[in-house]
Amino acid sequence: MISYKPFWNTLAAKNISTYTLINRYGISSSTINRLRHDQPISTTTINDFCHILSCRIEDILVYLPDSDESPNF
């Protein structure tokens, strides 16, 4: 499972609000909602966040394996 908990920590550390992301940087409120619920977002959006926040991917998301998750290869 992908978790966006690091994203929220990075926002707090950089003192940036979701209001700022939406109104200054044009991030959609639906994208913010997807992050809140650990739903998928595009790599383009992840790239945008890394640029806006001047951070690394690890500052946006983390992979947490589920114990019942099996690979679908």
PDB file of N, CA and C in Angstrom:
ATOM      1  N   MET A   1       0.845  -1.170   0.000  1.00  0.00           N
ATOM      2  CA  MET A   1       0.000   0.000   0.000  1.00  0.00           C
ATOM      3  C   MET A   1       0.898   1.242   0.000  1.00  0.00           C
ATOM      4  N   ILE A   2       0.511   2.222  -0.766  1.00  0.00           N
ATOM      5  CA  ILE A   2       1.211   3.500  -0.773  1.00  0.00           C
ATOM      6  C   ILE A   2       0.555   4.405   0.256  1.00  0.00           C
ATOM      7  N   SER A   3       1.366   4.993   1.103  1.00  0.00           N
ATOM      8  CA  SER A   3       0.875   5.940   2.107  1.00  0.00           C
ATOM      9  C   SER A   3       1.478   7.315   1.811  1.00  0.00           C
ATOM     10  N   TYR A   4       0.648   8.337   1.930  1.00  0.00           N
ATOM     11  CA  TYR A   4       1.106   9.703   1.715  1.00  0.00           C
ATOM     12  C   TYR A   4       1.350  10.446   3.027  1.00  0.00           C
ATOM     13  N   LYS A   5       1.535   9.710   4.105  1.00  0.00           N
ATOM     14  CA  LYS A   5       1.821  10.345   5.388  1.00  0.00           C
ATOM     15  C   LYS A   5       3.045  11.262   5.314  1.00  0.00           C
ATOM     16  N   PRO A   6       4.125  10.861   4.622  1.00  0.00           N
ATOM     17  CA  PRO A   6       5.272  11.776   4.518  1.00  0.00           C
ATOM     18  C   PRO A   6       4.904  13.115   3.869  1.00  0.00           C
ATOM     19  N   PHE A   7       3.943  13.105   2.952  1.00  0.00           N
ATOM     20  CA  PHE A   7       3.497  14.341   2.305  1.00  0.00           C
ATOM     21  C   PHE A   7       2.977  15.327   3.338  1.00  0.00           C
ATOM     22  N   TRP A   8       2.138  14.839   4.244  1.00  0.00           N
ATOM     23  CA  TRP A   8       1.548  15.719   5.271  1.00  0.00           C
ATOM     24  C   TRP A   8       2.621  16.227   6.219  1.00  0.00           C
ATOM     25  N   ASN A   9       3.593  15.381   6.547  1.00  0.00           N
ATOM     26  CA  ASN A   9       4.707  15.815   7.400  1.00  0.00           C
ATOM     27  C   ASN A   9       5.545  16.876   6.694  1.00  0.00           C
ATOM     28  N   THR A  10       5.772  16.697   5.393  1.00  0.00           N
ATOM     29  CA  THR A  10       6.551  17.662   4.620  1.00  0.00           C
ATOM     30  C   THR A  10       5.819  18.997   4.529  1.00  0.00           C
ATOM     31  N   LEU A  11       4.509  18.945   4.296  1.00  0.00           N
ATOM     32  CA  LEU A  11       3.728  20.188   4.273  1.00  0.00           C
ATOM     33  C   LEU A  11       3.870  20.943   5.587  1.00  0.00           C
ATOM     34  N   ALA A  12       3.732  20.234   6.688  1.00  0.00           N
ATOM     35  CA  ALA A  12       3.836  20.870   8.001  1.00  0.00           C
ATOM     36  C   ALA A  12       5.235  21.442   8.221  1.00  0.00           C
ATOM     37  N   ALA A  13       6.249  20.690   7.851  1.00  0.00           N
ATOM     38  CA  ALA A  13       7.633  21.144   8.053  1.00  0.00           C
ATOM     39  C   ALA A  13       7.949  22.383   7.220  1.00  0.00           C
ATOM     40  N   LYS A  14       7.338  22.488   6.055  1.00  0.00           N
ATOM     41  CA  LYS A  14       7.587  23.624   5.172  1.00  0.00           C
ATOM     42  C   LYS A  14       6.556  24.733   5.364  1.00  0.00           C
ATOM     43  N   ASN A  15       5.639  24.513   6.303  1.00  0.00           N
ATOM     44  CA  ASN A  15       4.610  25.504   6.633  1.00  0.00           C
ATOM     45  C   ASN A  15       3.791  25.913   5.400  1.00  0.00           C
ATOM     46  N   ILE A  16       3.367  24.904   4.639  1.00  0.00           N
ATOM     47  CA  ILE A  16       2.540  25.119   3.458  1.00  0.00           C
ATOM     48  C   ILE A  16       1.196  24.442   3.698  1.00  0.00           C
ATOM     49  N   SER A  17       0.137  25.159   3.412  1.00  0.00           N
ATOM     50  CA  SER A  17      -1.209  24.620   3.622  1.00  0.00           C
ATOM     51  C   SER A  17      -1.777  24.057   2.328  1.00  0.00           C
ATOM     52  N   THR A  18      -2.799  23.244   2.453  1.00  0.00           N
ATOM     53  CA  THR A  18      -3.488  22.749   1.259  1.00  0.00           C
ATOM     54  C   THR A  18      -4.150  23.916   0.530  1.00  0.00           C
ATOM     55  N   TYR A  19      -4.572  24.925   1.248  1.00  0.00           N
ATOM     56  CA  TYR A  19      -5.139  26.127   0.638  1.00  0.00           C
ATOM     57  C   TYR A  19      -4.125  26.756  -0.317  1.00  0.00           C
ATOM     58  N   THR A  20      -2.880  26.853   0.114  1.00  0.00           N
ATOM     59  CA  THR A  20      -1.816  27.403  -0.721  1.00  0.00           C
ATOM     60  C   THR A  20      -1.582  26.533  -1.947  1.00  0.00           C
ATOM     61  N   LEU A  21      -1.565  25.219  -1.764  1.00  0.00           N
ATOM     62  CA  LEU A  21      -1.366  24.316  -2.899  1.00  0.00           C
ATOM     63  C   LEU A  21      -2.466  24.504  -3.941  1.00  0.00           C
ATOM     64  N   ILE A  22      -3.690  24.637  -3.484  1.00  0.00           N
ATOM     65  CA  ILE A  22      -4.824  24.780  -4.388  1.00  0.00           C
ATOM     66  C   ILE A  22      -4.824  26.152  -5.068  1.00  0.00           C
ATOM     67  N   ASN A  23      -4.681  27.206  -4.292  1.00  0.00           N
ATOM     68  CA  ASN A  23      -4.850  28.554  -4.832  1.00  0.00           C
ATOM     69  C   ASN A  23      -3.602  29.160  -5.460  1.00  0.00           C
ATOM     70  N   ARG A  24      -2.445  28.811  -4.967  1.00  0.00           N
ATOM     71  CA  ARG A  24      -1.215  29.380  -5.527  1.00  0.00           C
ATOM     72  C   ARG A  24      -0.616  28.508  -6.621  1.00  0.00           C
ATOM     73  N   TYR A  25      -0.697  27.183  -6.438  1.00  0.00           N
ATOM     74  CA  TYR A  25      -0.037  26.263  -7.356  1.00  0.00           C
ATOM     75  C   TYR A  25      -0.994  25.510  -8.277  1.00  0.00           C
ATOM     76  N   GLY A  26      -2.293  25.710  -8.109  1.00  0.00           N
ATOM     77  CA  GLY A  26      -3.271  25.098  -9.001  1.00  0.00           C
ATOM     78  C   GLY A  26      -3.488  23.614  -8.815  1.00  0.00           C
ATOM     79  N   ILE A  27      -3.141  23.091  -7.653  1.00  0.00           N
ATOM     80  CA  ILE A  27      -3.409  21.679  -7.347  1.00  0.00           C
ATOM     81  C   ILE A  27      -4.909  21.539  -7.098  1.00  0.00           C
ATOM     82  N   SER A  28      -5.519  20.533  -7.686  1.00  0.00           N
ATOM     83  CA  SER A  28      -6.966  20.381  -7.531  1.00  0.00           C
ATOM     84  C   SER A  28      -7.329  19.856  -6.144  1.00  0.00           C
ATOM     85  N   SER A  29      -8.509  20.237  -5.692  1.00  0.00           N
ATOM     86  CA  SER A  29      -8.981  19.755  -4.391  1.00  0.00           C
ATOM     87  C   SER A  29      -9.215  18.247  -4.440  1.00  0.00           C
ATOM     88  N   SER A  30      -9.528  17.712  -5.617  1.00  0.00           N
ATOM     89  CA  SER A  30      -9.706  16.254  -5.720  1.00  0.00           C
ATOM     90  C   SER A  30      -8.382  15.525  -5.523  1.00  0.00           C
ATOM     91  N   THR A  31      -7.279  16.132  -5.957  1.00  0.00           N
ATOM     92  CA  THR A  31      -5.957  15.526  -5.724  1.00  0.00           C
ATOM     93  C   THR A  31      -5.649  15.516  -4.233  1.00  0.00           C
ATOM     94  N   ILE A  32      -5.938  16.611  -3.554  1.00  0.00           N
ATOM     95  CA  ILE A  32      -5.737  16.674  -2.096  1.00  0.00           C
ATOM     96  C   ILE A  32      -6.582  15.605  -1.416  1.00  0.00           C
ATOM     97  N   ASN A  33      -7.808  15.436  -1.874  1.00  0.00           N
ATOM     98  CA  ASN A  33      -8.696  14.421  -1.307  1.00  0.00           C
ATOM     99  C   ASN A  33      -8.126  13.020  -1.539  1.00  0.00           C
ATOM    100  N   ARG A  34      -7.573  12.763  -2.711  1.00  0.00           N
ATOM    101  CA  ARG A  34      -6.973  11.464  -2.998  1.00  0.00           C
ATOM    102  C   ARG A  34      -5.797  11.193  -2.058  1.00  0.00           C
ATOM    103  N   LEU A  35      -4.998  12.218  -1.790  1.00  0.00           N
ATOM    104  CA  LEU A  35      -3.880  12.071  -0.860  1.00  0.00           C
ATOM    105  C   LEU A  35      -4.379  11.762   0.548  1.00  0.00           C
ATOM    106  N   ARG A  36      -5.438  12.435   0.949  1.00  0.00           N
ATOM    107  CA  ARG A  36      -5.997  12.197   2.297  1.00  0.00           C
ATOM    108  C   ARG A  36      -6.444  10.756   2.491  1.00  0.00           C
ATOM    109  N   HIS A  37      -6.885  10.133   1.400  1.00  0.00           N
ATOM    110  CA  HIS A  37      -7.421   8.772   1.475  1.00  0.00           C
ATOM    111  C   HIS A  37      -6.468   7.725   0.900  1.00  0.00           C
ATOM    112  N   ASP A  38      -5.186   8.098   0.742  1.00  0.00           N
ATOM    113  CA  ASP A  38      -4.157   7.179   0.234  1.00  0.00           C
ATOM    114  C   ASP A  38      -4.574   6.508  -1.070  1.00  0.00           C
ATOM    115  N   GLN A  39      -5.208   7.278  -1.947  1.00  0.00           N
ATOM    116  CA  GLN A  39      -5.588   6.775  -3.263  1.00  0.00           C
ATOM    117  C   GLN A  39      -4.506   7.143  -4.273  1.00  0.00           C
ATOM    118  N   PRO A  40      -4.441   6.426  -5.381  1.00  0.00           N
ATOM    119  CA  PRO A  40      -3.372   6.669  -6.359  1.00  0.00           C
ATOM    120  C   PRO A  40      -3.408   8.078  -6.964  1.00  0.00           C
ATOM    121  N   ILE A  41      -2.210   8.602  -7.215  1.00  0.00           N
ATOM    122  CA  ILE A  41      -2.042   9.839  -7.974  1.00  0.00           C
ATOM    123  C   ILE A  41      -0.979   9.566  -9.030  1.00  0.00           C
ATOM    124  N   SER A  42      -0.932  10.394 -10.047  1.00  0.00           N
ATOM    125  CA  SER A  42       0.008  10.151 -11.149  1.00  0.00           C
ATOM    126  C   SER A  42       1.442  10.529 -10.769  1.00  0.00           C
ATOM    127  N   THR A  43       2.371   9.977 -11.506  1.00  0.00           N
ATOM    128  CA  THR A  43       3.770  10.336 -11.286  1.00  0.00           C
ATOM    129  C   THR A  43       4.008  11.790 -11.679  1.00  0.00           C
ATOM    130  N   THR A  44       3.234  12.307 -12.600  1.00  0.00           N
ATOM    131  CA  THR A  44       3.333  13.726 -12.953  1.00  0.00           C
ATOM    132  C   THR A  44       2.983  14.594 -11.751  1.00  0.00           C
ATOM    133  N   THR A  45       1.953  14.213 -11.028  1.00  0.00           N
ATOM    134  CA  THR A  45       1.554  14.960  -9.834  1.00  0.00           C
ATOM    135  C   THR A  45       2.612  14.840  -8.748  1.00  0.00           C
ATOM    136  N   ILE A  46       3.178  13.657  -8.591  1.00  0.00           N
ATOM    137  CA  ILE A  46       4.262  13.475  -7.613  1.00  0.00           C
ATOM    138  C   ILE A  46       5.432  14.370  -7.986  1.00  0.00           C
ATOM    139  N   ASN A  47       5.772  14.423  -9.272  1.00  0.00           N
ATOM    140  CA  ASN A  47       6.834  15.298  -9.751  1.00  0.00           C
ATOM    141  C   ASN A  47       6.517  16.760  -9.425  1.00  0.00           C
ATOM    142  N   ASP A  48       5.268  17.166  -9.647  1.00  0.00           N
ATOM    143  CA  ASP A  48       4.856  18.545  -9.339  1.00  0.00           C
ATOM    144  C   ASP A  48       5.053  18.854  -7.860  1.00  0.00           C
ATOM    145  N   PHE A  49       4.659  17.923  -7.004  1.00  0.00           N
ATOM    146  CA  PHE A  49       4.826  18.136  -5.564  1.00  0.00           C
ATOM    147  C   PHE A  49       6.306  18.235  -5.183  1.00  0.00           C
ATOM    148  N   CYS A  50       7.131  17.388  -5.769  1.00  0.00           N
ATOM    149  CA  CYS A  50       8.570  17.453  -5.479  1.00  0.00           C
ATOM    150  C   CYS A  50       9.137  18.811  -5.888  1.00  0.00           C
ATOM    151  N   HIS A  51       8.677  19.332  -7.005  1.00  0.00           N
ATOM    152  CA  HIS A  51       9.126  20.645  -7.476  1.00  0.00           C
ATOM    153  C   HIS A  51       8.617  21.757  -6.558  1.00  0.00           C
ATOM    154  N   ILE A  52       7.328  21.733  -6.255  1.00  0.00           N
ATOM    155  CA  ILE A  52       6.715  22.773  -5.411  1.00  0.00           C
ATOM    156  C   ILE A  52       7.353  22.789  -4.029  1.00  0.00           C
ATOM    157  N   LEU A  53       7.548  21.604  -3.450  1.00  0.00           N
ATOM    158  CA  LEU A  53       8.027  21.502  -2.071  1.00  0.00           C
ATOM    159  C   LEU A  53       9.553  21.394  -1.975  1.00  0.00           C
ATOM    160  N   SER A  54      10.225  21.369  -3.112  1.00  0.00           N
ATOM    161  CA  SER A  54      11.687  21.199  -3.140  1.00  0.00           C
ATOM    162  C   SER A  54      12.102  20.016  -2.267  1.00  0.00           C
ATOM    163  N   CYS A  55      11.555  18.855  -2.611  1.00  0.00           N
ATOM    164  CA  CYS A  55      11.808  17.663  -1.794  1.00  0.00           C
ATOM    165  C   CYS A  55      12.013  16.456  -2.682  1.00  0.00           C
ATOM    166  N   ARG A  56      12.263  15.326  -2.062  1.00  0.00           N
ATOM    167  CA  ARG A  56      12.452  14.051  -2.742  1.00  0.00           C
ATOM    168  C   ARG A  56      11.166  13.247  -2.690  1.00  0.00           C
ATOM    169  N   ILE A  57      11.089  12.220  -3.523  1.00  0.00           N
ATOM    170  CA  ILE A  57       9.893  11.364  -3.551  1.00  0.00           C
ATOM    171  C   ILE A  57       9.606  10.789  -2.170  1.00  0.00           C
ATOM    172  N   GLU A  58      10.657  10.434  -1.438  1.00  0.00           N
ATOM    173  CA  GLU A  58      10.481   9.860  -0.100  1.00  0.00           C
ATOM    174  C   GLU A  58       9.803  10.826   0.862  1.00  0.00           C
ATOM    175  N   ASP A  59       9.818  12.104   0.526  1.00  0.00           N
ATOM    176  CA  ASP A  59       9.143  13.105   1.352  1.00  0.00           C
ATOM    177  C   ASP A  59       7.669  13.233   1.000  1.00  0.00           C
ATOM    178  N   ILE A  60       7.232  12.493  -0.022  1.00  0.00           N
ATOM    179  CA  ILE A  60       5.847  12.529  -0.475  1.00  0.00           C
ATOM    180  C   ILE A  60       5.114  11.231  -0.144  1.00  0.00           C
ATOM    181  N   LEU A  61       5.773  10.102  -0.351  1.00  0.00           N
ATOM    182  CA  LEU A  61       5.085   8.827  -0.172  1.00  0.00           C
ATOM    183  C   LEU A  61       6.022   7.757   0.353  1.00  0.00           C
ATOM    184  N   VAL A  62       5.404   6.696   0.855  1.00  0.00           N
ATOM    185  CA  VAL A  62       6.146   5.530   1.329  1.00  0.00           C
ATOM    186  C   VAL A  62       5.333   4.283   0.981  1.00  0.00           C
ATOM    187  N   TYR A  63       6.035   3.214   0.645  1.00  0.00           N
ATOM    188  CA  TYR A  63       5.383   1.937   0.380  1.00  0.00           C
ATOM    189  C   TYR A  63       5.355   1.117   1.659  1.00  0.00           C
ATOM    190  N   LEU A  64       4.166   0.672   2.035  1.00  0.00           N
ATOM    191  CA  LEU A  64       3.983  -0.180   3.211  1.00  0.00           C
ATOM    192  C   LEU A  64       3.355  -1.490   2.747  1.00  0.00           C
ATOM    193  N   PRO A  65       4.096  -2.587   2.779  1.00  0.00           N
ATOM    194  CA  PRO A  65       3.521  -3.851   2.302  1.00  0.00           C
ATOM    195  C   PRO A  65       2.378  -4.328   3.200  1.00  0.00           C
ATOM    196  N   ASP A  66       1.338  -4.816   2.557  1.00  0.00           N
ATOM    197  CA  ASP A  66       0.230  -5.434   3.295  1.00  0.00           C
ATOM    198  C   ASP A  66       0.576  -6.894   3.508  1.00  0.00           C
ATOM    199  N   SER A  67       0.229  -7.415   4.648  1.00  0.00           N
ATOM    200  CA  SER A  67       0.554  -8.818   4.928  1.00  0.00           C
ATOM    201  C   SER A  67      -0.238  -9.763   4.026  1.00  0.00           C
ATOM    202  N   ASP A  68      -1.424  -9.362   3.600  1.00  0.00           N
ATOM    203  CA  ASP A  68      -2.247 -10.235   2.760  1.00  0.00           C
ATOM    204  C   ASP A  68      -2.116  -9.883   1.266  1.00  0.00           C
ATOM    205  N   GLU A  69      -1.199  -9.008   0.957  1.00  0.00           N
ATOM    206  CA  GLU A  69      -1.030  -8.586  -0.432  1.00  0.00           C
ATOM    207  C   GLU A  69      -0.101  -9.551  -1.159  1.00  0.00           C
ATOM    208  N   SER A  70      -0.572 -10.073  -2.278  1.00  0.00           N
ATOM    209  CA  SER A  70       0.272 -10.949  -3.088  1.00  0.00           C
ATOM    210  C   SER A  70       0.498 -10.291  -4.437  1.00  0.00           C
ATOM    211  N   PRO A  71       1.685 -10.444  -4.988  1.00  0.00           N
ATOM    212  CA  PRO A  71       1.970  -9.818  -6.280  1.00  0.00           C
ATOM    213  C   PRO A  71       1.123 -10.406  -7.388  1.00  0.00           C
ATOM    214  N   ASN A  72       0.700  -9.561  -8.299  1.00  0.00           N
ATOM    215  CA  ASN A  72      -0.103  -9.996  -9.443  1.00  0.00           C
ATOM    216  C   ASN A  72       0.756  -9.959 -10.704  1.00  0.00           C
ATOM    217  N   PHE A  73       1.775 -10.784 -10.737  1.00  0.00           N
ATOM    218  CA  PHE A  73       2.688 -10.802 -11.876  1.00  0.00           C
ATOM    219  C   PHE A  73       2.204 -11.794 -12.884  1.00  0.00           C
TER     220      PHE A  73
END
